[in-house]
Amino acid sequence: MPIYEYRCGACGVAKEHLQKLSDAPVAACPECGSADYHKQLSAAGFQLKGSGWYATDFKGGSSSASDSAPSAGGHSCGAGCGCD
């Protein structure tokens, strides 16, 4: 279940609520009871680490246009098999 962050516009209190995706948003501030209690936009709670696909395929580095261009004959495998 995701954790959502809420902030009250009336009293300024900020709280986290553990909710199911199907749950309705919390409507009233638990501190002051105001209806000015809104869900905040927050960062994702995961981080990519290790030597997996992110580090090997997308992290840093630069590739030139000639590395990704199809080989002679317009075929991506270069064997003339019609794989386009």
C-alpha atoms as a PDB file:
ATOM      1  CA  MET A   1       0.000   0.000   0.000  1.00  0.00           C
ATOM      2  CA  PRO A   2       1.344   3.441  -0.888  1.00  0.00           C
ATOM      3  CA  ILE A   3       1.961   6.221   1.590  1.00  0.00           C
ATOM      4  CA  TYR A   4       0.413   9.563   0.620  1.00  0.00           C
ATOM      5  CA  GLU A   5       1.424  12.947   1.995  1.00  0.00           C
ATOM      6  CA  TYR A   6      -1.278  15.484   2.897  1.00  0.00           C
ATOM      7  CA  ARG A   7      -1.102  19.129   4.001  1.00  0.00           C
ATOM      8  CA  CYS A   8      -3.777  21.275   5.613  1.00  0.00           C
ATOM      9  CA  GLY A   9      -4.195  24.742   4.140  1.00  0.00           C
ATOM     10  CA  ALA A  10      -5.873  26.036   7.299  1.00  0.00           C
ATOM     11  CA  CYS A  11      -3.498  24.967  10.096  1.00  0.00           C
ATOM     12  CA  GLY A  12      -0.437  23.941   8.027  1.00  0.00           C
ATOM     13  CA  VAL A  13      -0.071  20.455   9.484  1.00  0.00           C
ATOM     14  CA  ALA A  14       1.537  17.840   7.203  1.00  0.00           C
ATOM     15  CA  LYS A  15       0.878  14.115   7.675  1.00  0.00           C
ATOM     16  CA  GLU A  16       1.393  10.819   5.873  1.00  0.00           C
ATOM     17  CA  HIS A  17      -1.453   8.346   5.390  1.00  0.00           C
ATOM     18  CA  LEU A  18      -1.119   4.672   4.423  1.00  0.00           C
ATOM     19  CA  GLN A  19      -3.943   4.015   1.945  1.00  0.00           C
ATOM     20  CA  LYS A  20      -4.993   1.529  -0.690  1.00  0.00           C
ATOM     21  CA  LEU A  21      -5.091   2.768  -4.277  1.00  0.00           C
ATOM     22  CA  SER A  22      -8.863   2.289  -4.252  1.00  0.00           C
ATOM     23  CA  ASP A  23      -9.399   4.321  -1.028  1.00  0.00           C
ATOM     24  CA  ALA A  24     -10.953   7.763  -1.286  1.00  0.00           C
ATOM     25  CA  PRO A  25      -8.672  10.687  -0.400  1.00  0.00           C
ATOM     26  CA  VAL A  26      -8.764  11.899   3.211  1.00  0.00           C
ATOM     27  CA  ALA A  27     -11.272  14.774   3.217  1.00  0.00           C
ATOM     28  CA  ALA A  28     -10.763  16.476   6.592  1.00  0.00           C
ATOM     29  CA  CYS A  29      -7.670  17.485   8.529  1.00  0.00           C
ATOM     30  CA  PRO A  30      -7.161  15.188  11.544  1.00  0.00           C
ATOM     31  CA  GLU A  31      -5.832  18.123  13.621  1.00  0.00           C
ATOM     32  CA  CYS A  32      -8.296  20.966  13.031  1.00  0.00           C
ATOM     33  CA  GLY A  33     -11.100  19.259  11.055  1.00  0.00           C
ATOM     34  CA  SER A  34     -10.816  21.682   8.122  1.00  0.00           C
ATOM     35  CA  ALA A  35     -11.877  20.548   4.654  1.00  0.00           C
ATOM     36  CA  ASP A  36      -8.790  22.326   3.236  1.00  0.00           C
ATOM     37  CA  TYR A  37      -6.726  19.091   3.478  1.00  0.00           C
ATOM     38  CA  HIS A  38      -5.069  18.119   0.197  1.00  0.00           C
ATOM     39  CA  LYS A  39      -2.836  15.351  -1.126  1.00  0.00           C
ATOM     40  CA  GLN A  40       0.673  16.559  -1.981  1.00  0.00           C
ATOM     41  CA  LEU A  41       2.873  15.588  -4.893  1.00  0.00           C
ATOM     42  CA  SER A  42       5.889  13.676  -3.569  1.00  0.00           C
ATOM     43  CA  ALA A  43       8.905  11.760  -4.841  1.00  0.00           C
ATOM     44  CA  ALA A  44       8.841   8.035  -5.529  1.00  0.00           C
ATOM     45  CA  GLY A  45      10.098   5.842  -2.703  1.00  0.00           C
ATOM     46  CA  PHE A  46      12.576   3.676  -4.593  1.00  0.00           C
ATOM     47  CA  GLN A  47      16.102   3.982  -5.886  1.00  0.00           C
ATOM     48  CA  LEU A  48      17.859   2.042  -8.633  1.00  0.00           C
ATOM     49  CA  LYS A  49      21.146   0.538  -7.409  1.00  0.00           C
ATOM     50  CA  GLY A  50      23.557  -2.177  -8.410  1.00  0.00           C
ATOM     51  CA  SER A  51      24.799  -3.368 -11.774  1.00  0.00           C
ATOM     52  CA  GLY A  52      21.419  -4.075 -13.361  1.00  0.00           C
ATOM     53  CA  TRP A  53      19.892  -2.701 -16.547  1.00  0.00           C
ATOM     54  CA  TYR A  54      19.943   0.928 -15.380  1.00  0.00           C
ATOM     55  CA  ALA A  55      23.690   1.022 -14.778  1.00  0.00           C
ATOM     56  CA  THR A  56      24.576  -0.901 -17.918  1.00  0.00           C
ATOM     57  CA  ASP A  57      22.060   0.443 -20.429  1.00  0.00           C
ATOM     58  CA  PHE A  58      20.969   3.947 -19.461  1.00  0.00           C
ATOM     59  CA  LYS A  59      23.296   5.467 -16.887  1.00  0.00           C
ATOM     60  CA  GLY A  60      25.603   8.125 -18.312  1.00  0.00           C
ATOM     61  CA  GLY A  61      27.751   7.473 -21.330  1.00  0.00           C
ATOM     62  CA  SER A  62      26.997   8.597 -24.822  1.00  0.00           C
ATOM     63  CA  SER A  63      26.334   6.677 -27.976  1.00  0.00           C
ATOM     64  CA  SER A  64      26.958   8.060 -31.412  1.00  0.00           C
ATOM     65  CA  ALA A  65      24.375   8.002 -34.177  1.00  0.00           C
ATOM     66  CA  SER A  66      26.536   5.610 -36.212  1.00  0.00           C
ATOM     67  CA  ASP A  67      26.339   2.972 -33.434  1.00  0.00           C
ATOM     68  CA  SER A  68      22.563   2.770 -33.703  1.00  0.00           C
ATOM     69  CA  ALA A  69      22.238   3.142 -37.490  1.00  0.00           C
ATOM     70  CA  PRO A  70      21.234   0.065 -39.522  1.00  0.00           C
ATOM     71  CA  SER A  71      23.995  -1.668 -41.443  1.00  0.00           C
ATOM     72  CA  ALA A  72      24.314  -1.754 -45.229  1.00  0.00           C
ATOM     73  CA  GLY A  73      21.296  -2.883 -47.171  1.00  0.00           C
ATOM     74  CA  GLY A  74      18.827  -1.321 -44.718  1.00  0.00           C
ATOM     75  CA  HIS A  75      18.641  -4.410 -42.515  1.00  0.00           C
ATOM     76  CA  SER A  76      19.189  -4.139 -38.806  1.00  0.00           C
ATOM     77  CA  CYS A  77      20.925  -7.518 -38.606  1.00  0.00           C
ATOM     78  CA  GLY A  78      23.027  -6.990 -41.755  1.00  0.00           C
ATOM     79  CA  ALA A  79      22.259 -10.442 -43.144  1.00  0.00           C
ATOM     80  CA  GLY A  80      19.706  -9.377 -45.766  1.00  0.00           C
ATOM     81  CA  CYS A  81      16.984 -11.496 -44.186  1.00  0.00           C
ATOM     82  CA  GLY A  82      14.212  -8.909 -44.363  1.00  0.00           C
ATOM     83  CA  CYS A  83      14.034  -8.351 -40.619  1.00  0.00           C
ATOM     84  CA  ASP A  84      13.021  -4.689 -41.039  1.00  0.00           C
END
